[in-house]
Amino acid sequence: MQYTLSQIDSIAETLVREELPHSHKVLLFQGAMGAGKTTLIKALCEQLGVGDRVSSPTFSLVNEYQSPSGTIYHFDLYRIEQQQEALDFGIEEYWDSGAWCFVEWAERIPSLLPASYTEVLITALDEHTRRLTIVQHNE
């Protein structure tokens, strides 16, 4: 699926309507720095009914939001240097919570990923255009 940044809200709406009902609750957002991971997560949270301001949890590592469909956790693991740091704040308990977990920079904790998850790969084609690839990973 290809989109421009001006189409982000309609892409998020499509994902919520067509993809999320069939995906795992843990979504790993992959892409280069500046590809638009946080931007897409913000749009998804808005489509899921989050009323609060959605921001990147770069320094807090995880932000929690409430939506009509339940809790959403947004992780930014960019600052994780050792996987033990993620264990220390209970990352595995989040996976098992049944809540939506939107994760940026999951490649920092490869051995801690849940057995089943949905990978959302964002590739920048040019300054304004992105390609979105969604892959289900099952145990």
N, C-alpha and C. Protein backbone atom coordinates (compact mmCIF):
# COMPACT_ATOMS: atom_id res chain seq x y z
N MET A 1 0.85 -1.16 0.00
CA MET A 1 0.00 0.00 0.00
C MET A 1 0.91 1.23 0.00
N GLN A 2 0.65 2.15 -0.89
CA GLN A 2 1.44 3.37 -1.00
C GLN A 2 0.57 4.56 -0.59
N TYR A 3 1.17 5.55 0.07
CA TYR A 3 0.42 6.73 0.49
C TYR A 3 1.35 7.92 0.62
N THR A 4 0.73 9.10 0.61
CA THR A 4 1.48 10.33 0.89
C THR A 4 1.13 10.76 2.32
N LEU A 5 1.96 11.60 2.88
CA LEU A 5 1.73 12.02 4.26
C LEU A 5 0.41 12.76 4.42
N SER A 6 -0.06 13.41 3.35
CA SER A 6 -1.36 14.10 3.43
C SER A 6 -2.52 13.10 3.49
N GLN A 7 -2.27 11.84 3.19
CA GLN A 7 -3.31 10.80 3.23
C GLN A 7 -3.27 9.97 4.52
N ILE A 8 -2.46 10.38 5.48
CA ILE A 8 -2.22 9.56 6.67
C ILE A 8 -3.50 9.24 7.43
N ASP A 9 -4.43 10.19 7.52
CA ASP A 9 -5.67 9.92 8.26
C ASP A 9 -6.52 8.87 7.57
N SER A 10 -6.62 8.94 6.25
CA SER A 10 -7.41 7.93 5.54
C SER A 10 -6.73 6.57 5.55
N ILE A 11 -5.40 6.55 5.54
CA ILE A 11 -4.67 5.28 5.65
C ILE A 11 -4.92 4.67 7.03
N ALA A 12 -4.86 5.48 8.06
CA ALA A 12 -5.12 4.99 9.42
C ALA A 12 -6.55 4.46 9.54
N GLU A 13 -7.49 5.16 8.95
CA GLU A 13 -8.89 4.70 8.98
C GLU A 13 -9.02 3.35 8.29
N THR A 14 -8.37 3.19 7.15
CA THR A 14 -8.39 1.91 6.42
C THR A 14 -7.77 0.81 7.26
N LEU A 15 -6.64 1.09 7.89
CA LEU A 15 -5.99 0.09 8.73
C LEU A 15 -6.87 -0.34 9.89
N VAL A 16 -7.50 0.62 10.55
CA VAL A 16 -8.37 0.30 11.68
C VAL A 16 -9.56 -0.54 11.22
N ARG A 17 -10.10 -0.21 10.07
CA ARG A 17 -11.29 -0.91 9.56
C ARG A 17 -10.94 -2.28 8.97
N GLU A 18 -9.83 -2.37 8.23
CA GLU A 18 -9.56 -3.59 7.46
C GLU A 18 -8.43 -4.46 8.00
N GLU A 19 -7.43 -3.89 8.62
CA GLU A 19 -6.27 -4.67 9.05
C GLU A 19 -6.27 -5.01 10.53
N LEU A 20 -6.52 -4.02 11.39
CA LEU A 20 -6.41 -4.26 12.83
C LEU A 20 -7.34 -5.35 13.34
N PRO A 21 -8.56 -5.48 12.81
CA PRO A 21 -9.41 -6.57 13.30
C PRO A 21 -8.81 -7.95 13.08
N HIS A 22 -7.88 -8.07 12.13
CA HIS A 22 -7.28 -9.37 11.81
C HIS A 22 -5.84 -9.49 12.32
N SER A 23 -5.35 -8.46 12.97
CA SER A 23 -3.94 -8.46 13.38
C SER A 23 -3.81 -8.87 14.84
N HIS A 24 -2.58 -9.12 15.22
CA HIS A 24 -2.26 -9.37 16.62
C HIS A 24 -2.32 -8.04 17.36
N LYS A 25 -2.45 -8.10 18.67
CA LYS A 25 -2.54 -6.87 19.47
C LYS A 25 -1.19 -6.15 19.59
N VAL A 26 -0.10 -6.86 19.33
CA VAL A 26 1.23 -6.26 19.36
C VAL A 26 1.64 -5.94 17.92
N LEU A 27 1.81 -4.65 17.65
CA LEU A 27 2.22 -4.20 16.32
C LEU A 27 3.60 -3.57 16.41
N LEU A 28 4.53 -4.07 15.62
CA LEU A 28 5.89 -3.55 15.59
C LEU A 28 6.04 -2.68 14.36
N PHE A 29 6.32 -1.41 14.56
CA PHE A 29 6.46 -0.45 13.47
C PHE A 29 7.94 -0.34 13.12
N GLN A 30 8.27 -0.75 11.91
CA GLN A 30 9.66 -0.76 11.45
C GLN A 30 9.83 0.31 10.37
N GLY A 31 10.98 0.94 10.37
CA GLY A 31 11.28 1.94 9.35
C GLY A 31 12.44 2.80 9.81
N ALA A 32 13.08 3.43 8.86
CA ALA A 32 14.21 4.30 9.18
C ALA A 32 13.76 5.49 10.01
N MET A 33 14.71 6.13 10.65
CA MET A 33 14.43 7.36 11.39
C MET A 33 13.78 8.35 10.42
N GLY A 34 12.65 8.91 10.83
CA GLY A 34 11.96 9.89 10.00
C GLY A 34 11.03 9.29 8.95
N ALA A 35 10.85 7.97 8.96
CA ALA A 35 9.98 7.33 7.97
C ALA A 35 8.51 7.61 8.23
N GLY A 36 8.16 7.94 9.49
CA GLY A 36 6.77 8.24 9.80
C GLY A 36 6.11 7.27 10.75
N LYS A 37 6.89 6.55 11.53
CA LYS A 37 6.32 5.58 12.47
C LYS A 37 5.42 6.27 13.50
N THR A 38 5.95 7.30 14.14
CA THR A 38 5.16 8.01 15.16
C THR A 38 3.95 8.69 14.54
N THR A 39 4.11 9.24 13.36
CA THR A 39 3.00 9.91 12.67
C THR A 39 1.87 8.93 12.41
N LEU A 40 2.20 7.73 11.94
CA LEU A 40 1.17 6.72 11.68
C LEU A 40 0.54 6.26 12.99
N ILE A 41 1.32 6.07 14.02
CA ILE A 41 0.76 5.64 15.31
C ILE A 41 -0.19 6.70 15.86
N LYS A 42 0.18 7.96 15.75
CA LYS A 42 -0.72 9.04 16.19
C LYS A 42 -2.05 8.96 15.45
N ALA A 43 -1.99 8.78 14.14
CA ALA A 43 -3.22 8.70 13.33
C ALA A 43 -4.04 7.47 13.71
N LEU A 44 -3.39 6.34 13.97
CA LEU A 44 -4.11 5.14 14.40
C LEU A 44 -4.79 5.35 15.74
N CYS A 45 -4.10 5.98 16.67
CA CYS A 45 -4.69 6.26 17.99
C CYS A 45 -5.92 7.16 17.85
N GLU A 46 -5.83 8.16 17.00
CA GLU A 46 -6.98 9.04 16.77
C GLU A 46 -8.14 8.26 16.19
N GLN A 47 -7.87 7.38 15.23
CA GLN A 47 -8.93 6.56 14.63
C GLN A 47 -9.54 5.59 15.64
N LEU A 48 -8.75 5.17 16.61
CA LEU A 48 -9.25 4.26 17.65
C LEU A 48 -9.96 5.01 18.77
N GLY A 49 -10.04 6.34 18.66
CA GLY A 49 -10.82 7.13 19.60
C GLY A 49 -10.06 7.71 20.78
N VAL A 50 -8.74 7.73 20.73
CA VAL A 50 -7.96 8.34 21.81
C VAL A 50 -8.22 9.84 21.80
N GLY A 51 -8.65 10.37 22.93
CA GLY A 51 -8.94 11.80 23.02
C GLY A 51 -7.75 12.64 23.44
N ASP A 52 -6.79 12.00 24.11
CA ASP A 52 -5.60 12.72 24.58
C ASP A 52 -4.65 13.01 23.42
N ARG A 53 -3.75 13.96 23.67
CA ARG A 53 -2.70 14.26 22.70
C ARG A 53 -1.74 13.07 22.67
N VAL A 54 -1.48 12.55 21.49
CA VAL A 54 -0.57 11.42 21.32
C VAL A 54 0.80 11.98 20.95
N SER A 55 1.82 11.56 21.71
CA SER A 55 3.17 12.03 21.44
C SER A 55 4.15 10.87 21.55
N SER A 56 5.33 11.07 21.02
CA SER A 56 6.35 10.03 21.06
C SER A 56 6.85 9.83 22.48
N PRO A 57 6.91 8.57 22.94
CA PRO A 57 7.41 8.30 24.28
C PRO A 57 8.93 8.09 24.32
N THR A 58 9.66 8.88 23.56
CA THR A 58 11.11 8.69 23.45
C THR A 58 11.79 8.67 24.81
N PHE A 59 11.42 9.58 25.70
CA PHE A 59 12.11 9.64 26.99
C PHE A 59 11.44 8.81 28.06
N SER A 60 10.14 8.62 27.97
CA SER A 60 9.43 7.81 28.96
C SER A 60 9.39 6.34 28.58
N LEU A 61 9.74 5.99 27.36
CA LEU A 61 9.74 4.65 26.78
C LEU A 61 8.34 4.14 26.45
N VAL A 62 7.34 4.47 27.27
CA VAL A 62 5.98 4.02 26.98
C VAL A 62 4.98 5.08 27.41
N ASN A 63 4.00 5.33 26.55
CA ASN A 63 2.86 6.19 26.88
C ASN A 63 1.62 5.31 26.88
N GLU A 64 0.70 5.62 27.77
CA GLU A 64 -0.55 4.87 27.87
C GLU A 64 -1.70 5.79 27.49
N TYR A 65 -2.59 5.27 26.64
CA TYR A 65 -3.77 6.03 26.21
C TYR A 65 -5.01 5.17 26.42
N GLN A 66 -6.13 5.85 26.63
CA GLN A 66 -7.41 5.16 26.75
C GLN A 66 -8.24 5.45 25.50
N SER A 67 -8.90 4.41 25.03
CA SER A 67 -9.80 4.56 23.89
C SER A 67 -11.08 3.79 24.21
N PRO A 68 -12.14 4.00 23.43
CA PRO A 68 -13.37 3.24 23.66
C PRO A 68 -13.16 1.73 23.58
N SER A 69 -12.14 1.29 22.83
CA SER A 69 -11.88 -0.14 22.70
C SER A 69 -10.87 -0.65 23.73
N GLY A 70 -10.44 0.21 24.64
CA GLY A 70 -9.52 -0.23 25.69
C GLY A 70 -8.21 0.55 25.70
N THR A 71 -7.27 0.03 26.44
CA THR A 71 -5.97 0.69 26.62
C THR A 71 -5.08 0.47 25.41
N ILE A 72 -4.30 1.50 25.09
CA ILE A 72 -3.30 1.42 24.03
C ILE A 72 -1.97 1.84 24.65
N TYR A 73 -0.94 1.01 24.44
CA TYR A 73 0.41 1.34 24.89
C TYR A 73 1.26 1.66 23.66
N HIS A 74 1.96 2.78 23.72
CA HIS A 74 2.84 3.22 22.63
C HIS A 74 4.27 3.23 23.16
N PHE A 75 5.10 2.37 22.60
CA PHE A 75 6.49 2.23 23.03
C PHE A 75 7.43 2.85 22.01
N ASP A 76 8.48 3.50 22.49
CA ASP A 76 9.59 3.93 21.65
C ASP A 76 10.85 3.42 22.33
N LEU A 77 11.42 2.37 21.76
CA LEU A 77 12.55 1.69 22.39
C LEU A 77 13.90 2.15 21.85
N TYR A 78 13.92 3.28 21.16
CA TYR A 78 15.14 3.77 20.54
C TYR A 78 16.28 3.93 21.55
N ARG A 79 15.97 4.35 22.76
CA ARG A 79 17.00 4.61 23.76
C ARG A 79 17.42 3.37 24.56
N ILE A 80 16.77 2.24 24.31
CA ILE A 80 17.14 1.00 24.99
C ILE A 80 18.53 0.57 24.50
N GLU A 81 19.43 0.36 25.44
CA GLU A 81 20.77 -0.08 25.07
C GLU A 81 20.97 -1.57 25.32
N GLN A 82 20.27 -2.10 26.31
CA GLN A 82 20.35 -3.52 26.62
C GLN A 82 18.93 -4.04 26.84
N GLN A 83 18.69 -5.27 26.40
CA GLN A 83 17.35 -5.84 26.52
C GLN A 83 16.88 -5.90 27.97
N GLN A 84 17.80 -6.00 28.90
CA GLN A 84 17.45 -6.05 30.32
C GLN A 84 16.63 -4.82 30.73
N GLU A 85 16.90 -3.68 30.11
CA GLU A 85 16.14 -2.46 30.42
C GLU A 85 14.66 -2.66 30.15
N ALA A 86 14.34 -3.35 29.05
CA ALA A 86 12.94 -3.61 28.72
C ALA A 86 12.33 -4.61 29.71
N LEU A 87 13.10 -5.60 30.10
CA LEU A 87 12.62 -6.54 31.11
C LEU A 87 12.36 -5.82 32.43
N ASP A 88 13.22 -4.87 32.76
CA ASP A 88 13.09 -4.15 34.03
C ASP A 88 11.79 -3.35 34.12
N PHE A 89 11.31 -2.82 32.98
CA PHE A 89 10.03 -2.09 33.06
C PHE A 89 8.84 -2.97 32.71
N GLY A 90 9.07 -4.27 32.55
CA GLY A 90 7.97 -5.22 32.41
C GLY A 90 7.39 -5.37 31.02
N ILE A 91 8.23 -5.28 29.99
CA ILE A 91 7.74 -5.33 28.61
C ILE A 91 6.89 -6.58 28.34
N GLU A 92 7.28 -7.72 28.89
CA GLU A 92 6.54 -8.95 28.63
C GLU A 92 5.14 -8.92 29.23
N GLU A 93 4.97 -8.19 30.33
CA GLU A 93 3.64 -8.05 30.92
C GLU A 93 2.72 -7.24 30.01
N TYR A 94 3.29 -6.25 29.32
CA TYR A 94 2.49 -5.50 28.35
C TYR A 94 2.04 -6.41 27.22
N TRP A 95 2.94 -7.27 26.71
CA TRP A 95 2.57 -8.18 25.62
C TRP A 95 1.37 -9.03 26.04
N ASP A 96 1.37 -9.47 27.30
CA ASP A 96 0.33 -10.38 27.79
C ASP A 96 -0.92 -9.66 28.29
N SER A 97 -0.95 -8.34 28.22
CA SER A 97 -2.06 -7.57 28.79
C SER A 97 -3.35 -7.64 27.99
N GLY A 98 -3.26 -8.01 26.72
CA GLY A 98 -4.44 -8.00 25.85
C GLY A 98 -4.74 -6.63 25.29
N ALA A 99 -3.95 -5.63 25.65
CA ALA A 99 -4.13 -4.27 25.14
C ALA A 99 -3.37 -4.11 23.83
N TRP A 100 -3.74 -3.08 23.06
CA TRP A 100 -2.96 -2.75 21.87
C TRP A 100 -1.59 -2.28 22.32
N CYS A 101 -0.54 -2.80 21.70
CA CYS A 101 0.84 -2.38 21.95
C CYS A 101 1.44 -1.95 20.61
N PHE A 102 1.67 -0.67 20.45
CA PHE A 102 2.28 -0.11 19.24
C PHE A 102 3.74 0.17 19.58
N VAL A 103 4.66 -0.51 18.90
CA VAL A 103 6.06 -0.50 19.30
C VAL A 103 6.96 0.03 18.19
N GLU A 104 7.72 1.08 18.51
CA GLU A 104 8.75 1.58 17.60
C GLU A 104 10.11 1.07 18.08
N TRP A 105 10.98 0.76 17.16
CA TRP A 105 12.36 0.31 17.42
C TRP A 105 12.40 -1.02 18.18
N ALA A 106 11.51 -1.93 17.82
CA ALA A 106 11.49 -3.26 18.45
C ALA A 106 12.75 -4.06 18.15
N GLU A 107 13.49 -3.68 17.12
CA GLU A 107 14.72 -4.40 16.81
C GLU A 107 15.76 -4.27 17.94
N ARG A 108 15.52 -3.39 18.90
CA ARG A 108 16.41 -3.24 20.06
C ARG A 108 16.24 -4.40 21.05
N ILE A 109 15.12 -5.13 20.93
CA ILE A 109 14.85 -6.22 21.89
C ILE A 109 14.45 -7.51 21.16
N PRO A 110 15.28 -7.99 20.24
CA PRO A 110 14.86 -9.11 19.38
C PRO A 110 14.48 -10.39 20.13
N SER A 111 15.12 -10.70 21.22
CA SER A 111 14.80 -11.95 21.91
C SER A 111 13.62 -11.81 22.87
N LEU A 112 13.07 -10.61 22.99
CA LEU A 112 11.94 -10.39 23.91
C LEU A 112 10.61 -10.23 23.18
N LEU A 113 10.62 -10.34 21.87
CA LEU A 113 9.38 -10.16 21.11
C LEU A 113 8.42 -11.30 21.40
N PRO A 114 7.12 -11.01 21.38
CA PRO A 114 6.16 -12.09 21.60
C PRO A 114 6.19 -13.08 20.45
N ALA A 115 5.64 -14.26 20.67
CA ALA A 115 5.64 -15.29 19.64
C ALA A 115 4.81 -14.88 18.43
N SER A 116 3.75 -14.13 18.65
CA SER A 116 2.88 -13.68 17.56
C SER A 116 2.78 -12.16 17.61
N TYR A 117 2.94 -11.53 16.46
CA TYR A 117 2.84 -10.07 16.36
C TYR A 117 2.60 -9.68 14.91
N THR A 118 2.26 -8.42 14.71
CA THR A 118 2.07 -7.87 13.37
C THR A 118 3.18 -6.87 13.12
N GLU A 119 3.88 -7.03 12.01
CA GLU A 119 4.94 -6.11 11.63
C GLU A 119 4.38 -5.10 10.63
N VAL A 120 4.59 -3.83 10.90
CA VAL A 120 4.16 -2.75 10.02
C VAL A 120 5.43 -2.07 9.53
N LEU A 121 5.79 -2.33 8.28
CA LEU A 121 7.02 -1.79 7.70
C LEU A 121 6.70 -0.55 6.89
N ILE A 122 7.35 0.56 7.23
CA ILE A 122 7.17 1.83 6.53
C ILE A 122 8.46 2.15 5.78
N THR A 123 8.35 2.28 4.47
CA THR A 123 9.50 2.59 3.63
C THR A 123 9.28 3.95 2.99
N ALA A 124 10.23 4.86 3.16
CA ALA A 124 10.15 6.18 2.52
C ALA A 124 10.58 6.03 1.07
N LEU A 125 9.67 6.35 0.16
CA LEU A 125 9.98 6.30 -1.27
C LEU A 125 10.55 7.62 -1.75
N ASP A 126 10.07 8.70 -1.17
CA ASP A 126 10.61 10.04 -1.40
C ASP A 126 10.20 10.90 -0.21
N GLU A 127 10.36 12.19 -0.30
CA GLU A 127 10.11 13.07 0.85
C GLU A 127 8.68 12.97 1.38
N HIS A 128 7.71 12.70 0.50
CA HIS A 128 6.30 12.72 0.90
C HIS A 128 5.59 11.38 0.76
N THR A 129 6.20 10.41 0.11
CA THR A 129 5.51 9.16 -0.22
C THR A 129 6.10 7.99 0.56
N ARG A 130 5.21 7.14 1.08
CA ARG A 130 5.61 5.97 1.86
C ARG A 130 4.96 4.71 1.30
N ARG A 131 5.64 3.60 1.49
CA ARG A 131 5.07 2.29 1.19
C ARG A 131 4.85 1.59 2.52
N LEU A 132 3.69 1.01 2.68
CA LEU A 132 3.31 0.32 3.91
C LEU A 132 3.17 -1.16 3.60
N THR A 133 3.87 -1.99 4.35
CA THR A 133 3.80 -3.43 4.19
C THR A 133 3.44 -4.03 5.55
N ILE A 134 2.44 -4.89 5.58
CA ILE A 134 1.98 -5.49 6.83
C ILE A 134 2.17 -7.00 6.75
N VAL A 135 2.86 -7.54 7.76
CA VAL A 135 3.15 -8.97 7.79
C VAL A 135 2.74 -9.52 9.15
N GLN A 136 1.96 -10.59 9.14
CA GLN A 136 1.57 -11.27 10.37
C GLN A 136 2.62 -12.32 10.71
N HIS A 137 3.09 -12.32 11.94
CA HIS A 137 4.04 -13.32 12.42
C HIS A 137 3.33 -14.15 13.48
N ASN A 138 3.20 -15.43 13.21
CA ASN A 138 2.48 -16.33 14.11
C ASN A 138 3.45 -17.34 14.70
N GLU A 139 3.15 -17.77 15.93
CA GLU A 139 4.03 -18.76 16.55
C GLU A 139 3.92 -20.09 15.86
